[in-house]
């Protein structure tokens, strides 16, 4: 799935929990979340199977993982997310 250029994105970062969540488009009315690898979660719309959210625990130590996950599921963001010390 490639997200349309004009689609909406929501990026949430919990500094205390070091958790990043990226949402693509409108939220699903019903979804299912699975942990695809340790600390990495995807939420899919139950009806369309479209990925609506990607969440990553311990994000500061694993910033490159977001790009890997986006590529794995053919998702795109119009920006790059990085952290500096």
C-alpha atoms as a PDB file:
ATOM      1  CA  UNK A   1       0.000   0.000   0.000  1.00  0.00           C
ATOM      2  CA  UNK A   2       1.335   3.423  -0.870  1.00  0.00           C
ATOM      3  CA  UNK A   3      -0.208   6.284   1.052  1.00  0.00           C
ATOM      4  CA  UNK A   4      -1.475   9.047  -1.212  1.00  0.00           C
ATOM      5  CA  UNK A   5       0.535  12.264  -1.200  1.00  0.00           C
ATOM      6  CA  UNK A   6      -2.392  14.264   0.155  1.00  0.00           C
ATOM      7  CA  UNK A   7      -3.312  11.746   2.843  1.00  0.00           C
ATOM      8  CA  UNK A   8      -3.171  12.831   6.460  1.00  0.00           C
ATOM      9  CA  UNK A   9      -0.490  11.681   8.868  1.00  0.00           C
ATOM     10  CA  UNK A  10      -0.386  11.858  12.631  1.00  0.00           C
ATOM     11  CA  UNK A  11       2.883  11.448  14.510  1.00  0.00           C
ATOM     12  CA  UNK A  12       2.869  10.999  18.276  1.00  0.00           C
ATOM     13  CA  UNK A  13       5.954  10.615  20.449  1.00  0.00           C
ATOM     14  CA  UNK A  14       5.825   9.810  24.169  1.00  0.00           C
ATOM     15  CA  UNK A  15       9.171  11.036  25.502  1.00  0.00           C
ATOM     16  CA  UNK A  16       8.797   9.364  28.912  1.00  0.00           C
ATOM     17  CA  UNK A  17       7.882   5.994  27.395  1.00  0.00           C
ATOM     18  CA  UNK A  18      10.128   6.462  24.319  1.00  0.00           C
ATOM     19  CA  UNK A  19       7.268   5.326  22.070  1.00  0.00           C
ATOM     20  CA  UNK A  20       6.672   6.617  18.544  1.00  0.00           C
ATOM     21  CA  UNK A  21       3.365   6.083  16.782  1.00  0.00           C
ATOM     22  CA  UNK A  22       2.699   7.053  13.161  1.00  0.00           C
ATOM     23  CA  UNK A  23      -0.862   6.986  11.820  1.00  0.00           C
ATOM     24  CA  UNK A  24      -1.719   6.946   8.127  1.00  0.00           C
ATOM     25  CA  UNK A  25      -4.947   8.511   6.908  1.00  0.00           C
ATOM     26  CA  UNK A  26      -8.198   8.345   8.806  1.00  0.00           C
ATOM     27  CA  UNK A  27      -8.301   5.956  11.769  1.00  0.00           C
ATOM     28  CA  UNK A  28     -10.108   2.668  11.245  1.00  0.00           C
ATOM     29  CA  UNK A  29     -13.473   2.260  12.931  1.00  0.00           C
ATOM     30  CA  UNK A  30     -12.237  -1.209  13.944  1.00  0.00           C
ATOM     31  CA  UNK A  31      -8.682  -2.451  13.863  1.00  0.00           C
ATOM     32  CA  UNK A  32      -6.456  -5.227  15.039  1.00  0.00           C
ATOM     33  CA  UNK A  33      -2.926  -4.721  16.381  1.00  0.00           C
ATOM     34  CA  UNK A  34      -0.098  -7.225  16.179  1.00  0.00           C
ATOM     35  CA  UNK A  35       3.489  -7.170  17.379  1.00  0.00           C
ATOM     36  CA  UNK A  36       5.484  -7.950  14.240  1.00  0.00           C
ATOM     37  CA  UNK A  37       8.803  -7.997  16.078  1.00  0.00           C
ATOM     38  CA  UNK A  38       9.838  -7.151  19.611  1.00  0.00           C
ATOM     39  CA  UNK A  39       8.534  -3.677  20.432  1.00  0.00           C
ATOM     40  CA  UNK A  40       7.122  -3.011  16.935  1.00  0.00           C
ATOM     41  CA  UNK A  41       3.358  -2.903  16.445  1.00  0.00           C
ATOM     42  CA  UNK A  42       1.142  -2.460  13.410  1.00  0.00           C
ATOM     43  CA  UNK A  43      -2.583  -1.832  13.417  1.00  0.00           C
ATOM     44  CA  UNK A  44      -4.692  -2.885  10.446  1.00  0.00           C
ATOM     45  CA  UNK A  45      -8.223  -1.946   9.493  1.00  0.00           C
ATOM     46  CA  UNK A  46     -10.286  -5.111  10.052  1.00  0.00           C
ATOM     47  CA  UNK A  47     -12.297  -4.656   6.845  1.00  0.00           C
ATOM     48  CA  UNK A  48      -9.629  -3.503   4.372  1.00  0.00           C
ATOM     49  CA  UNK A  49      -6.466  -4.962   6.026  1.00  0.00           C
ATOM     50  CA  UNK A  50      -4.848  -1.561   5.348  1.00  0.00           C
ATOM     51  CA  UNK A  51      -2.155  -0.585   7.865  1.00  0.00           C
ATOM     52  CA  UNK A  52      -3.347   2.456   9.785  1.00  0.00           C
ATOM     53  CA  UNK A  53      -0.676   2.705  12.523  1.00  0.00           C
ATOM     54  CA  UNK A  54       2.943   1.763  13.178  1.00  0.00           C
ATOM     55  CA  UNK A  55       4.251   1.942  16.761  1.00  0.00           C
ATOM     56  CA  UNK A  56       7.834   1.482  17.969  1.00  0.00           C
ATOM     57  CA  UNK A  57       8.984   1.131  21.589  1.00  0.00           C
ATOM     58  CA  UNK A  58      12.501   2.349  22.538  1.00  0.00           C
ATOM     59  CA  UNK A  59      12.434   4.520  19.442  1.00  0.00           C
ATOM     60  CA  UNK A  60      15.426   6.741  20.267  1.00  0.00           C
ATOM     61  CA  UNK A  61      17.738   3.721  20.125  1.00  0.00           C
ATOM     62  CA  UNK A  62      16.073   2.352  16.999  1.00  0.00           C
ATOM     63  CA  UNK A  63      15.295   5.335  14.759  1.00  0.00           C
ATOM     64  CA  UNK A  64      16.428   3.508  11.601  1.00  0.00           C
ATOM     65  CA  UNK A  65      13.872   0.787  12.311  1.00  0.00           C
ATOM     66  CA  UNK A  66      11.019   3.077  11.233  1.00  0.00           C
ATOM     67  CA  UNK A  67      12.415   3.323   7.708  1.00  0.00           C
ATOM     68  CA  UNK A  68      12.860  -0.462   7.580  1.00  0.00           C
ATOM     69  CA  UNK A  69       9.248  -1.066   8.684  1.00  0.00           C
ATOM     70  CA  UNK A  70       7.862   1.510   6.243  1.00  0.00           C
ATOM     71  CA  UNK A  71       9.788  -0.116   3.378  1.00  0.00           C
ATOM     72  CA  UNK A  72       8.702  -3.605   4.459  1.00  0.00           C
ATOM     73  CA  UNK A  73       5.033  -2.650   4.155  1.00  0.00           C
ATOM     74  CA  UNK A  74       5.476  -0.245   1.210  1.00  0.00           C
ATOM     75  CA  UNK A  75       4.416   2.762   3.297  1.00  0.00           C
ATOM     76  CA  UNK A  76       5.728   6.295   2.845  1.00  0.00           C
ATOM     77  CA  UNK A  77       6.041   9.448   4.922  1.00  0.00           C
ATOM     78  CA  UNK A  78       6.736  12.864   3.387  1.00  0.00           C
ATOM     79  CA  UNK A  79       9.473  13.433   5.993  1.00  0.00           C
ATOM     80  CA  UNK A  80      12.243  11.714   7.918  1.00  0.00           C
ATOM     81  CA  UNK A  81      12.187  11.388  11.717  1.00  0.00           C
ATOM     82  CA  UNK A  82      15.488  11.600  13.588  1.00  0.00           C
ATOM     83  CA  UNK A  83      16.694  12.370  17.121  1.00  0.00           C
ATOM     84  CA  UNK A  84      19.842  14.115  18.235  1.00  0.00           C
ATOM     85  CA  UNK A  85      21.408  14.057  21.688  1.00  0.00           C
END
